[in-house]
Amino acid sequence: MEGSKIIVAIDKGAKAPIFSEADYPIVGDEFHILPECERAVDAASIQTYATSQGVPARQRAWASAGPTILRHW
């Protein structure tokens, strides 16, 4: 982790030792948290891509529904 710009740690225990090194300590089950993080990143990526391609705001709103819509563009 040395040299990392950002450290995100996920652990079920609120007092996990790794949290002292983490920039973003997240208490919870990784199998619940990571899918939510993935959806958030996908939605942000789609919005960024759509904006960079000049897609009108109305269509960008549909893009936030998920990555499936991007495949249809």
Protein backbone atom coordinates (compact mmCIF):
# COMPACT_ATOMS: atom_id res chain seq x y z
CA MET A 1 0.00 0.00 0.00
CA GLU A 2 3.04 2.20 0.23
CA GLY A 3 2.91 4.75 -2.55
CA SER A 4 -0.86 4.40 -3.00
CA LYS A 5 -2.70 7.66 -3.55
CA ILE A 6 -5.97 6.45 -2.06
CA ILE A 7 -6.65 3.45 0.16
CA VAL A 8 -10.18 2.11 0.51
CA ALA A 9 -10.69 -0.58 3.16
CA ILE A 10 -13.83 -2.67 3.65
CA ASP A 11 -14.26 -4.79 6.76
CA LYS A 12 -17.14 -6.05 8.86
CA GLY A 13 -15.39 -4.98 12.06
CA ALA A 14 -15.49 -1.28 12.90
CA LYS A 15 -12.13 -1.55 14.69
CA ALA A 16 -10.24 -3.36 11.93
CA PRO A 17 -6.52 -2.47 12.03
CA ILE A 18 -6.50 -1.63 8.31
CA PHE A 19 -8.82 1.31 8.98
CA SER A 20 -5.97 3.25 10.58
CA GLU A 21 -4.23 3.28 7.16
CA ALA A 22 -7.34 3.79 5.01
CA ASP A 23 -8.43 7.07 3.49
CA TYR A 24 -11.92 5.63 3.13
CA PRO A 25 -12.75 3.02 5.79
CA ILE A 26 -16.06 1.29 5.05
CA VAL A 27 -17.70 -0.94 7.64
CA GLY A 28 -19.78 -3.67 6.06
CA ASP A 29 -19.82 -6.87 4.05
CA GLU A 30 -17.75 -6.67 0.88
CA PHE A 31 -20.34 -8.74 -1.00
CA HIS A 32 -22.92 -6.02 -0.40
CA ILE A 33 -20.68 -2.96 -0.66
CA LEU A 34 -18.66 -3.76 -3.79
CA PRO A 35 -21.70 -4.25 -6.08
CA GLU A 36 -23.03 -0.87 -4.93
CA CYS A 37 -19.65 0.74 -5.60
CA GLU A 38 -19.53 -0.87 -9.03
CA ARG A 39 -22.99 0.48 -9.91
CA ALA A 40 -21.99 3.97 -8.78
CA VAL A 41 -18.80 3.90 -10.86
CA ASP A 42 -20.65 2.55 -13.89
CA ALA A 43 -23.29 5.28 -13.64
CA ALA A 44 -20.64 7.99 -13.28
CA SER A 45 -18.65 6.57 -16.22
CA ILE A 46 -21.71 6.47 -18.45
CA GLN A 47 -22.60 10.06 -17.57
CA THR A 48 -19.03 11.22 -18.26
CA TYR A 49 -18.90 9.34 -21.58
CA ALA A 50 -22.30 10.63 -22.68
CA THR A 51 -21.38 14.21 -21.80
CA SER A 52 -18.08 13.96 -23.69
CA GLN A 53 -19.92 12.66 -26.77
CA GLY A 54 -22.38 15.54 -26.75
CA VAL A 55 -25.38 13.41 -25.85
CA PRO A 56 -28.34 15.62 -24.90
CA ALA A 57 -29.23 15.84 -21.20
CA ARG A 58 -32.53 14.02 -21.76
CA GLN A 59 -30.70 10.98 -23.10
CA ARG A 60 -28.03 11.20 -20.37
CA ALA A 61 -30.82 10.81 -17.83
CA TRP A 62 -31.63 7.44 -19.37
CA ALA A 63 -27.96 6.51 -19.27
CA SER A 64 -27.94 6.77 -15.49
CA ALA A 65 -30.29 3.79 -15.43
CA GLY A 66 -27.31 1.51 -15.98
CA PRO A 67 -24.63 0.24 -18.35
CA THR A 68 -27.12 -1.71 -20.48
CA ILE A 69 -28.31 1.50 -22.16
CA LEU A 70 -24.78 2.42 -23.21
CA ARG A 71 -24.55 -0.81 -25.19
CA HIS A 72 -27.58 0.23 -27.23
CA TRP A 73 -26.11 3.60 -28.30
